[in-house]
Amino acid sequence: SQASLIGTSCPSRYIVLKDEINHTVEDLQKIANLVSSGFQRATKSVEIATPTYYANLVATSAKKWNMSDANGSTVFTTNSGAQTPVKRQNEFYYFRIGLMR
């Protein structure tokens, strides 16, 4: 389990399906601990591997900015659930999301 506040840590269990590099159990544990302690939004280790958190953040952001309708405007959903159509083709972040496809 990772170091965390009292009562909030949980044990991790990993199952190795195929070990082509022949790592020892200690090496795999070190890798798992290093990967879970690199998340910049937390001061302690996190439960899920850091690349998974970042992939989730990127996917959520892309989903917000890439919901286009037929006429090229993007539908943006606010926190209240209201949808506002906004023309976004000429804005920088729309261009960057397009490059990621």
PDB file of N, CA and C in Angstrom:
ATOM      1  N   SER A   1       0.843  -1.177   0.000  1.00  0.00           N
ATOM      2  CA  SER A   1       0.000   0.000   0.000  1.00  0.00           C
ATOM      3  C   SER A   1       0.884   1.235   0.000  1.00  0.00           C
ATOM      4  N   GLN A   2       0.362   2.322  -0.519  1.00  0.00           N
ATOM      5  CA  GLN A   2       1.148   3.547  -0.611  1.00  0.00           C
ATOM      6  C   GLN A   2       1.086   4.339   0.689  1.00  0.00           C
ATOM      7  N   ALA A   3       2.109   5.177   0.915  1.00  0.00           N
ATOM      8  CA  ALA A   3       2.097   6.043   2.089  1.00  0.00           C
ATOM      9  C   ALA A   3       1.043   7.115   1.880  1.00  0.00           C
ATOM     10  N   SER A   4       0.166   7.272   2.846  1.00  0.00           N
ATOM     11  CA  SER A   4      -0.897   8.264   2.702  1.00  0.00           C
ATOM     12  C   SER A   4      -1.407   8.641   4.077  1.00  0.00           C
ATOM     13  N   LEU A   5      -2.443   9.449   4.108  1.00  0.00           N
ATOM     14  CA  LEU A   5      -3.048   9.828   5.371  1.00  0.00           C
ATOM     15  C   LEU A   5      -3.642   8.595   6.046  1.00  0.00           C
ATOM     16  N   ILE A   6      -3.739   8.617   7.346  1.00  0.00           N
ATOM     17  CA  ILE A   6      -4.240   7.465   8.101  1.00  0.00           C
ATOM     18  C   ILE A   6      -5.663   7.128   7.659  1.00  0.00           C
ATOM     19  N   GLY A   7      -5.869   5.868   7.321  1.00  0.00           N
ATOM     20  CA  GLY A   7      -7.195   5.403   6.946  1.00  0.00           C
ATOM     21  C   GLY A   7      -7.553   5.571   5.481  1.00  0.00           C
ATOM     22  N   THR A   8      -6.642   6.126   4.671  1.00  0.00           N
ATOM     23  CA  THR A   8      -6.982   6.340   3.260  1.00  0.00           C
ATOM     24  C   THR A   8      -6.174   5.485   2.301  1.00  0.00           C
ATOM     25  N   SER A   9      -5.159   4.783   2.773  1.00  0.00           N
ATOM     26  CA  SER A   9      -4.357   3.964   1.863  1.00  0.00           C
ATOM     27  C   SER A   9      -5.054   2.638   1.596  1.00  0.00           C
ATOM     28  N   CYS A  10      -4.767   2.080   0.446  1.00  0.00           N
ATOM     29  CA  CYS A  10      -5.353   0.781   0.110  1.00  0.00           C
ATOM     30  C   CYS A  10      -4.288  -0.068  -0.572  1.00  0.00           C
ATOM     31  N   PRO A  11      -4.318  -1.359  -0.365  1.00  0.00           N
ATOM     32  CA  PRO A  11      -3.318  -2.228  -0.975  1.00  0.00           C
ATOM     33  C   PRO A  11      -3.536  -2.360  -2.478  1.00  0.00           C
ATOM     34  N   SER A  12      -2.443  -2.609  -3.173  1.00  0.00           N
ATOM     35  CA  SER A  12      -2.513  -2.820  -4.620  1.00  0.00           C
ATOM     36  C   SER A  12      -2.155  -4.264  -4.914  1.00  0.00           C
ATOM     37  N   ARG A  13      -2.783  -4.807  -5.929  1.00  0.00           N
ATOM     38  CA  ARG A  13      -2.483  -6.173  -6.343  1.00  0.00           C
ATOM     39  C   ARG A  13      -2.297  -6.163  -7.847  1.00  0.00           C
ATOM     40  N   TYR A  14      -1.150  -6.618  -8.291  1.00  0.00           N
ATOM     41  CA  TYR A  14      -0.838  -6.663  -9.707  1.00  0.00           C
ATOM     42  C   TYR A  14      -0.651  -8.111 -10.124  1.00  0.00           C
ATOM     43  N   ILE A  15      -1.137  -8.454 -11.285  1.00  0.00           N
ATOM     44  CA  ILE A  15      -0.968  -9.794 -11.834  1.00  0.00           C
ATOM     45  C   ILE A  15      -0.159  -9.660 -13.117  1.00  0.00           C
ATOM     46  N   VAL A  16       0.985 -10.308 -13.159  1.00  0.00           N
ATOM     47  CA  VAL A  16       1.851 -10.255 -14.335  1.00  0.00           C
ATOM     48  C   VAL A  16       1.409 -11.350 -15.290  1.00  0.00           C
ATOM     49  N   LEU A  17       0.967 -10.941 -16.480  1.00  0.00           N
ATOM     50  CA  LEU A  17       0.515 -11.919 -17.462  1.00  0.00           C
ATOM     51  C   LEU A  17       1.677 -12.521 -18.236  1.00  0.00           C
ATOM     52  N   LYS A  18       2.648 -11.678 -18.591  1.00  0.00           N
ATOM     53  CA  LYS A  18       3.807 -12.174 -19.320  1.00  0.00           C
ATOM     54  C   LYS A  18       4.991 -11.288 -18.984  1.00  0.00           C
ATOM     55  N   ASP A  19       6.062 -11.872 -18.495  1.00  0.00           N
ATOM     56  CA  ASP A  19       7.250 -11.117 -18.112  1.00  0.00           C
ATOM     57  C   ASP A  19       8.378 -11.453 -19.077  1.00  0.00           C
ATOM     58  N   GLU A  20       8.447 -10.708 -20.170  1.00  0.00           N
ATOM     59  CA  GLU A  20       9.465 -10.979 -21.190  1.00  0.00           C
ATOM     60  C   GLU A  20      10.851 -10.516 -20.769  1.00  0.00           C
ATOM     61  N   ILE A  21      10.934  -9.584 -19.819  1.00  0.00           N
ATOM     62  CA  ILE A  21      12.224  -9.038 -19.404  1.00  0.00           C
ATOM     63  C   ILE A  21      12.764  -9.779 -18.183  1.00  0.00           C
ATOM     64  N   ASN A  22      11.976 -10.654 -17.612  1.00  0.00           N
ATOM     65  CA  ASN A  22      12.362 -11.451 -16.439  1.00  0.00           C
ATOM     66  C   ASN A  22      12.723 -10.590 -15.231  1.00  0.00           C
ATOM     67  N   HIS A  23      11.838  -9.672 -14.863  1.00  0.00           N
ATOM     68  CA  HIS A  23      12.031  -8.857 -13.667  1.00  0.00           C
ATOM     69  C   HIS A  23      11.781  -9.703 -12.429  1.00  0.00           C
ATOM     70  N   THR A  24      12.446  -9.330 -11.348  1.00  0.00           N
ATOM     71  CA  THR A  24      12.150  -9.968 -10.067  1.00  0.00           C
ATOM     72  C   THR A  24      10.908  -9.301  -9.471  1.00  0.00           C
ATOM     73  N   VAL A  25      10.336  -9.915  -8.453  1.00  0.00           N
ATOM     74  CA  VAL A  25       9.166  -9.353  -7.784  1.00  0.00           C
ATOM     75  C   VAL A  25       9.517  -7.995  -7.174  1.00  0.00           C
ATOM     76  N   GLU A  26      10.722  -7.871  -6.618  1.00  0.00           N
ATOM     77  CA  GLU A  26      11.152  -6.607  -6.016  1.00  0.00           C
ATOM     78  C   GLU A  26      11.241  -5.505  -7.070  1.00  0.00           C
ATOM     79  N   ASP A  27      11.761  -5.836  -8.265  1.00  0.00           N
ATOM     80  CA  ASP A  27      11.846  -4.844  -9.345  1.00  0.00           C
ATOM     81  C   ASP A  27      10.456  -4.372  -9.768  1.00  0.00           C
ATOM     82  N   LEU A  28       9.526  -5.295  -9.900  1.00  0.00           N
ATOM     83  CA  LEU A  28       8.165  -4.923 -10.292  1.00  0.00           C
ATOM     84  C   LEU A  28       7.503  -4.054  -9.226  1.00  0.00           C
ATOM     85  N   GLN A  29       7.770  -4.344  -7.958  1.00  0.00           N
ATOM     86  CA  GLN A  29       7.210  -3.527  -6.878  1.00  0.00           C
ATOM     87  C   GLN A  29       7.801  -2.122  -6.903  1.00  0.00           C
ATOM     88  N   LYS A  30       9.100  -2.005  -7.163  1.00  0.00           N
ATOM     89  CA  LYS A  30       9.731  -0.685  -7.256  1.00  0.00           C
ATOM     90  C   LYS A  30       9.144   0.121  -8.413  1.00  0.00           C
ATOM     91  N   ILE A  31       8.946  -0.530  -9.550  1.00  0.00           N
ATOM     92  CA  ILE A  31       8.370   0.151 -10.714  1.00  0.00           C
ATOM     93  C   ILE A  31       6.960   0.640 -10.401  1.00  0.00           C
ATOM     94  N   ALA A  32       6.162  -0.208  -9.779  1.00  0.00           N
ATOM     95  CA  ALA A  32       4.784   0.182  -9.434  1.00  0.00           C
ATOM     96  C   ALA A  32       4.774   1.352  -8.457  1.00  0.00           C
ATOM     97  N   ASN A  33       5.662   1.345  -7.477  1.00  0.00           N
ATOM     98  CA  ASN A  33       5.728   2.447  -6.515  1.00  0.00           C
ATOM     99  C   ASN A  33       6.194   3.737  -7.171  1.00  0.00           C
ATOM    100  N   LEU A  34       7.177   3.650  -8.062  1.00  0.00           N
ATOM    101  CA  LEU A  34       7.657   4.853  -8.747  1.00  0.00           C
ATOM    102  C   LEU A  34       6.586   5.446  -9.654  1.00  0.00           C
ATOM    103  N   VAL A  35       5.870   4.589 -10.359  1.00  0.00           N
ATOM    104  CA  VAL A  35       4.843   5.072 -11.284  1.00  0.00           C
ATOM    105  C   VAL A  35       3.679   5.704 -10.529  1.00  0.00           C
ATOM    106  N   SER A  36       3.376   5.215  -9.346  1.00  0.00           N
ATOM    107  CA  SER A  36       2.232   5.765  -8.612  1.00  0.00           C
ATOM    108  C   SER A  36       2.583   7.005  -7.803  1.00  0.00           C
ATOM    109  N   SER A  37       3.855   7.363  -7.716  1.00  0.00           N
ATOM    110  CA  SER A  37       4.224   8.536  -6.911  1.00  0.00           C
ATOM    111  C   SER A  37       4.554   9.757  -7.758  1.00  0.00           C
ATOM    112  N   GLY A  38       4.324   9.716  -9.058  1.00  0.00           N
ATOM    113  CA  GLY A  38       4.676  10.836  -9.923  1.00  0.00           C
ATOM    114  C   GLY A  38       3.533  11.741 -10.312  1.00  0.00           C
ATOM    115  N   PHE A  39       2.367  11.587  -9.724  1.00  0.00           N
ATOM    116  CA  PHE A  39       1.209  12.401 -10.093  1.00  0.00           C
ATOM    117  C   PHE A  39       1.364  13.789  -9.490  1.00  0.00           C
ATOM    118  N   GLN A  40       1.393  14.825 -10.335  1.00  0.00           N
ATOM    119  CA  GLN A  40       1.705  16.178  -9.890  1.00  0.00           C
ATOM    120  C   GLN A  40       0.593  16.837  -9.087  1.00  0.00           C
ATOM    121  N   ARG A  41      -0.621  16.344  -9.162  1.00  0.00           N
ATOM    122  CA  ARG A  41      -1.732  16.959  -8.433  1.00  0.00           C
ATOM    123  C   ARG A  41      -1.864  16.442  -7.007  1.00  0.00           C
ATOM    124  N   ALA A  42      -1.029  15.493  -6.620  1.00  0.00           N
ATOM    125  CA  ALA A  42      -1.108  14.927  -5.274  1.00  0.00           C
ATOM    126  C   ALA A  42       0.269  14.983  -4.618  1.00  0.00           C
ATOM    127  N   THR A  43       0.305  15.198  -3.315  1.00  0.00           N
ATOM    128  CA  THR A  43       1.578  15.247  -2.601  1.00  0.00           C
ATOM    129  C   THR A  43       2.017  13.875  -2.115  1.00  0.00           C
ATOM    130  N   LYS A  44       1.150  12.890  -2.225  1.00  0.00           N
ATOM    131  CA  LYS A  44       1.484  11.524  -1.828  1.00  0.00           C
ATOM    132  C   LYS A  44       1.208  10.589  -3.006  1.00  0.00           C
ATOM    133  N   SER A  45       1.529   9.338  -2.835  1.00  0.00           N
ATOM    134  CA  SER A  45       1.282   8.354  -3.889  1.00  0.00           C
ATOM    135  C   SER A  45      -0.207   8.216  -4.155  1.00  0.00           C
ATOM    136  N   VAL A  46      -0.532   7.848  -5.386  1.00  0.00           N
ATOM    137  CA  VAL A  46      -1.929   7.659  -5.765  1.00  0.00           C
ATOM    138  C   VAL A  46      -2.192   6.177  -5.996  1.00  0.00           C
ATOM    139  N   GLU A  47      -3.468   5.819  -5.997  1.00  0.00           N
ATOM    140  CA  GLU A  47      -3.866   4.414  -6.080  1.00  0.00           C
ATOM    141  C   GLU A  47      -3.615   3.817  -7.463  1.00  0.00           C
ATOM    142  N   ILE A  48      -3.869   4.591  -8.501  1.00  0.00           N
ATOM    143  CA  ILE A  48      -3.744   4.112  -9.878  1.00  0.00           C
ATOM    144  C   ILE A  48      -2.463   4.681 -10.475  1.00  0.00           C
ATOM    145  N   ALA A  49      -1.861   3.982 -11.425  1.00  0.00           N
ATOM    146  CA  ALA A  49      -0.627   4.442 -12.057  1.00  0.00           C
ATOM    147  C   ALA A  49      -0.813   5.827 -12.670  1.00  0.00           C
ATOM    148  N   THR A  50       0.187   6.682 -12.504  1.00  0.00           N
ATOM    149  CA  THR A  50       0.119   8.069 -12.954  1.00  0.00           C
ATOM    150  C   THR A  50      -0.224   8.215 -14.432  1.00  0.00           C
ATOM    151  N   PRO A  51       0.369   7.439 -15.351  1.00  0.00           N
ATOM    152  CA  PRO A  51      -0.021   7.590 -16.764  1.00  0.00           C
ATOM    153  C   PRO A  51      -1.511   7.365 -17.006  1.00  0.00           C
ATOM    154  N   THR A  52      -2.136   6.527 -16.188  1.00  0.00           N
ATOM    155  CA  THR A  52      -3.576   6.300 -16.317  1.00  0.00           C
ATOM    156  C   THR A  52      -4.356   7.549 -15.939  1.00  0.00           C
ATOM    157  N   TYR A  53      -3.942   8.226 -14.875  1.00  0.00           N
ATOM    158  CA  TYR A  53      -4.602   9.477 -14.478  1.00  0.00           C
ATOM    159  C   TYR A  53      -4.472  10.527 -15.582  1.00  0.00           C
ATOM    160  N   TYR A  54      -3.253  10.680 -16.128  1.00  0.00           N
ATOM    161  CA  TYR A  54      -3.046  11.691 -17.170  1.00  0.00           C
ATOM    162  C   TYR A  54      -3.826  11.353 -18.437  1.00  0.00           C
ATOM    163  N   ALA A  55      -3.899  10.083 -18.798  1.00  0.00           N
ATOM    164  CA  ALA A  55      -4.687   9.690 -19.973  1.00  0.00           C
ATOM    165  C   ALA A  55      -6.159  10.016 -19.765  1.00  0.00           C
ATOM    166  N   ASN A  56      -6.651   9.814 -18.552  1.00  0.00           N
ATOM    167  CA  ASN A  56      -8.041  10.142 -18.246  1.00  0.00           C
ATOM    168  C   ASN A  56      -8.281  11.647 -18.343  1.00  0.00           C
ATOM    169  N   LEU A  57      -7.340  12.456 -17.852  1.00  0.00           N
ATOM    170  CA  LEU A  57      -7.477  13.915 -17.945  1.00  0.00           C
ATOM    171  C   LEU A  57      -7.490  14.385 -19.400  1.00  0.00           C
ATOM    172  N   VAL A  58      -6.616  13.819 -20.228  1.00  0.00           N
ATOM    173  CA  VAL A  58      -6.564  14.196 -21.645  1.00  0.00           C
ATOM    174  C   VAL A  58      -7.847  13.785 -22.353  1.00  0.00           C
ATOM    175  N   ALA A  59      -8.334  12.586 -22.084  1.00  0.00           N
ATOM    176  CA  ALA A  59      -9.564  12.119 -22.731  1.00  0.00           C
ATOM    177  C   ALA A  59     -10.763  12.965 -22.314  1.00  0.00           C
ATOM    178  N   THR A  60     -10.826  13.335 -21.042  1.00  0.00           N
ATOM    179  CA  THR A  60     -11.928  14.180 -20.571  1.00  0.00           C
ATOM    180  C   THR A  60     -11.879  15.549 -21.221  1.00  0.00           C
ATOM    181  N   SER A  61     -10.684  16.112 -21.317  1.00  0.00           N
ATOM    182  CA  SER A  61     -10.530  17.424 -21.947  1.00  0.00           C
ATOM    183  C   SER A  61     -10.882  17.364 -23.429  1.00  0.00           C
ATOM    184  N   ALA A  62     -10.424  16.336 -24.115  1.00  0.00           N
ATOM    185  CA  ALA A  62     -10.732  16.194 -25.541  1.00  0.00           C
ATOM    186  C   ALA A  62     -12.225  16.007 -25.764  1.00  0.00           C
ATOM    187  N   LYS A  63     -12.868  15.284 -24.886  1.00  0.00           N
ATOM    188  CA  LYS A  63     -14.309  15.072 -25.016  1.00  0.00           C
ATOM    189  C   LYS A  63     -15.065  16.389 -24.863  1.00  0.00           C
ATOM    190  N   LYS A  64     -14.625  17.240 -23.925  1.00  0.00           N
ATOM    191  CA  LYS A  64     -15.284  18.532 -23.727  1.00  0.00           C
ATOM    192  C   LYS A  64     -15.166  19.422 -24.956  1.00  0.00           C
ATOM    193  N   TRP A  65     -13.991  19.436 -25.577  1.00  0.00           N
ATOM    194  CA  TRP A  65     -13.732  20.391 -26.648  1.00  0.00           C
ATOM    195  C   TRP A  65     -14.006  19.837 -28.027  1.00  0.00           C
ATOM    196  N   ASN A  66     -14.368  18.590 -28.163  1.00  0.00           N
ATOM    197  CA  ASN A  66     -14.504  18.000 -29.488  1.00  0.00           C
ATOM    198  C   ASN A  66     -15.899  17.447 -29.734  1.00  0.00           C
ATOM    199  N   MET A  67     -16.924  18.029 -29.154  1.00  0.00           N
ATOM    200  CA  MET A  67     -18.295  17.603 -29.414  1.00  0.00           C
ATOM    201  C   MET A  67     -18.887  18.539 -30.463  1.00  0.00           C
ATOM    202  N   SER A  68     -18.618  18.265 -31.743  1.00  0.00           N
ATOM    203  CA  SER A  68     -19.061  19.146 -32.823  1.00  0.00           C
ATOM    204  C   SER A  68     -20.394  18.687 -33.377  1.00  0.00           C
ATOM    205  N   ASP A  69     -21.167  19.650 -33.865  1.00  0.00           N
ATOM    206  CA  ASP A  69     -22.395  19.297 -34.557  1.00  0.00           C
ATOM    207  C   ASP A  69     -22.171  19.432 -36.065  1.00  0.00           C
ATOM    208  N   ALA A  70     -23.196  19.275 -36.866  1.00  0.00           N
ATOM    209  CA  ALA A  70     -23.065  19.208 -38.318  1.00  0.00           C
ATOM    210  C   ALA A  70     -22.569  20.507 -38.947  1.00  0.00           C
ATOM    211  N   ASN A  71     -22.873  21.680 -38.399  1.00  0.00           N
ATOM    212  CA  ASN A  71     -22.473  22.933 -39.032  1.00  0.00           C
ATOM    213  C   ASN A  71     -21.111  23.435 -38.569  1.00  0.00           C
ATOM    214  N   GLY A  72     -20.365  22.643 -37.829  1.00  0.00           N
ATOM    215  CA  GLY A  72     -19.009  23.008 -37.451  1.00  0.00           C
ATOM    216  C   GLY A  72     -18.883  23.716 -36.121  1.00  0.00           C
ATOM    217  N   SER A  73     -19.991  24.025 -35.469  1.00  0.00           N
ATOM    218  CA  SER A  73     -19.870  24.643 -34.155  1.00  0.00           C
ATOM    219  C   SER A  73     -19.743  23.546 -33.108  1.00  0.00           C
ATOM    220  N   THR A  74     -19.157  23.894 -32.011  1.00  0.00           N
ATOM    221  CA  THR A  74     -18.939  22.930 -30.946  1.00  0.00           C
ATOM    222  C   THR A  74     -19.947  23.173 -29.839  1.00  0.00           C
ATOM    223  N   VAL A  75     -20.500  22.100 -29.316  1.00  0.00           N
ATOM    224  CA  VAL A  75     -21.447  22.218 -28.214  1.00  0.00           C
ATOM    225  C   VAL A  75     -20.660  22.063 -26.921  1.00  0.00           C
ATOM    226  N   PHE A  76     -20.693  23.083 -26.087  1.00  0.00           N
ATOM    227  CA  PHE A  76     -19.964  23.086 -24.828  1.00  0.00           C
ATOM    228  C   PHE A  76     -20.948  22.934 -23.679  1.00  0.00           C
ATOM    229  N   THR A  77     -20.726  21.963 -22.808  1.00  0.00           N
ATOM    230  CA  THR A  77     -21.606  21.732 -21.667  1.00  0.00           C
ATOM    231  C   THR A  77     -21.017  22.396 -20.436  1.00  0.00           C
ATOM    232  N   THR A  78     -21.787  23.235 -19.776  1.00  0.00           N
ATOM    233  CA  THR A  78     -21.317  23.914 -18.571  1.00  0.00           C
ATOM    234  C   THR A  78     -21.579  23.045 -17.353  1.00  0.00           C
ATOM    235  N   ASN A  79     -21.115  23.499 -16.197  1.00  0.00           N
ATOM    236  CA  ASN A  79     -21.321  22.749 -14.953  1.00  0.00           C
ATOM    237  C   ASN A  79     -22.794  22.594 -14.620  1.00  0.00           C
ATOM    238  N   SER A  80     -23.615  23.536 -15.048  1.00  0.00           N
ATOM    239  CA  SER A  80     -25.042  23.452 -14.750  1.00  0.00           C
ATOM    240  C   SER A  80     -25.772  22.490 -15.681  1.00  0.00           C
ATOM    241  N   GLY A  81     -25.083  22.005 -16.730  1.00  0.00           N
ATOM    242  CA  GLY A  81     -25.695  21.071 -17.664  1.00  0.00           C
ATOM    243  C   GLY A  81     -26.251  21.744 -18.900  1.00  0.00           C
ATOM    244  N   ALA A  82     -26.244  23.085 -18.944  1.00  0.00           N
ATOM    245  CA  ALA A  82     -26.746  23.796 -20.120  1.00  0.00           C
ATOM    246  C   ALA A  82     -25.743  23.683 -21.260  1.00  0.00           C
ATOM    247  N   GLN A  83     -26.244  23.540 -22.481  1.00  0.00           N
ATOM    248  CA  GLN A  83     -25.368  23.428 -23.643  1.00  0.00           C
ATOM    249  C   GLN A  83     -25.405  24.723 -24.431  1.00  0.00           C
ATOM    250  N   THR A  84     -24.223  25.237 -24.764  1.00  0.00           N
ATOM    251  CA  THR A  84     -24.102  26.484 -25.493  1.00  0.00           C
ATOM    252  C   THR A  84     -23.310  26.231 -26.764  1.00  0.00           C
ATOM    253  N   PRO A  85     -23.877  26.489 -27.962  1.00  0.00           N
ATOM    254  CA  PRO A  85     -23.088  26.323 -29.179  1.00  0.00           C
ATOM    255  C   PRO A  85     -22.104  27.479 -29.338  1.00  0.00           C
ATOM    256  N   VAL A  86     -20.863  27.155 -29.630  1.00  0.00           N
ATOM    257  CA  VAL A  86     -19.821  28.167 -29.784  1.00  0.00           C
ATOM    258  C   VAL A  86     -18.975  27.792 -30.991  1.00  0.00           C
ATOM    259  N   LYS A  87     -18.653  28.758 -31.855  1.00  0.00           N
ATOM    260  CA  LYS A  87     -17.791  28.510 -33.004  1.00  0.00           C
ATOM    261  C   LYS A  87     -16.351  28.470 -32.516  1.00  0.00           C
ATOM    262  N   ARG A  88     -15.630  27.360 -32.727  1.00  0.00           N
ATOM    263  CA  ARG A  88     -14.299  27.202 -32.152  1.00  0.00           C
ATOM    264  C   ARG A  88     -13.224  26.851 -33.178  1.00  0.00           C
ATOM    265  N   GLN A  89     -13.491  26.829 -34.459  1.00  0.00           N
ATOM    266  CA  GLN A  89     -12.497  26.379 -35.425  1.00  0.00           C
ATOM    267  C   GLN A  89     -11.218  27.214 -35.413  1.00  0.00           C
ATOM    268  N   ASN A  90     -11.306  28.496 -35.166  1.00  0.00           N
ATOM    269  CA  ASN A  90     -10.135  29.359 -35.258  1.00  0.00           C
ATOM    270  C   ASN A  90      -9.396  29.512 -33.937  1.00  0.00           C
ATOM    271  N   GLU A  91      -9.804  28.823 -32.919  1.00  0.00           N
ATOM    272  CA  GLU A  91      -9.147  28.956 -31.632  1.00  0.00           C
ATOM    273  C   GLU A  91      -8.045  27.915 -31.480  1.00  0.00           C
ATOM    274  N   PHE A  92      -7.020  28.261 -30.730  1.00  0.00           N
ATOM    275  CA  PHE A  92      -5.809  27.460 -30.638  1.00  0.00           C
ATOM    276  C   PHE A  92      -6.054  26.053 -30.117  1.00  0.00           C
ATOM    277  N   TYR A  93      -6.814  25.900 -29.047  1.00  0.00           N
ATOM    278  CA  TYR A  93      -6.985  24.569 -28.461  1.00  0.00           C
ATOM    279  C   TYR A  93      -7.757  23.636 -29.384  1.00  0.00           C
ATOM    280  N   TYR A  94      -8.663  24.167 -30.206  1.00  0.00           N
ATOM    281  CA  TYR A  94      -9.367  23.330 -31.174  1.00  0.00           C
ATOM    282  C   TYR A  94      -8.369  22.760 -32.173  1.00  0.00           C
ATOM    283  N   PHE A  95      -7.420  23.583 -32.598  1.00  0.00           N
ATOM    284  CA  PHE A  95      -6.387  23.152 -33.537  1.00  0.00           C
ATOM    285  C   PHE A  95      -5.534  22.053 -32.915  1.00  0.00           C
ATOM    286  N   ARG A  96      -5.156  22.193 -31.657  1.00  0.00           N
ATOM    287  CA  ARG A  96      -4.315  21.194 -31.004  1.00  0.00           C
ATOM    288  C   ARG A  96      -5.039  19.863 -30.854  1.00  0.00           C
ATOM    289  N   ILE A  97      -6.323  19.874 -30.523  1.00  0.00           N
ATOM    290  CA  ILE A  97      -7.079  18.629 -30.412  1.00  0.00           C
ATOM    291  C   ILE A  97      -7.141  17.952 -31.776  1.00  0.00           C
ATOM    292  N   GLY A  98      -7.291  18.743 -32.846  1.00  0.00           N
ATOM    293  CA  GLY A  98      -7.322  18.185 -34.192  1.00  0.00           C
ATOM    294  C   GLY A  98      -6.020  17.493 -34.553  1.00  0.00           C
ATOM    295  N   LEU A  99      -4.895  18.004 -34.069  1.00  0.00           N
ATOM    296  CA  LEU A  99      -3.604  17.390 -34.341  1.00  0.00           C
ATOM    297  C   LEU A  99      -3.433  16.057 -33.630  1.00  0.00           C
ATOM    298  N   MET A 100      -4.126  15.869 -32.524  1.00  0.00           N
ATOM    299  CA  MET A 100      -3.976  14.636 -31.745  1.00  0.00           C
ATOM    300  C   MET A 100      -4.709  13.462 -32.367  1.00  0.00           C
ATOM    301  N   ARG A 101      -5.588  13.687 -33.315  1.00  0.00           N
ATOM    302  CA  ARG A 101      -6.354  12.584 -33.908  1.00  0.00           C
ATOM    303  C   ARG A 101      -5.503  11.729 -34.796  1.00  0.00           C
TER     304      ARG A 101
END
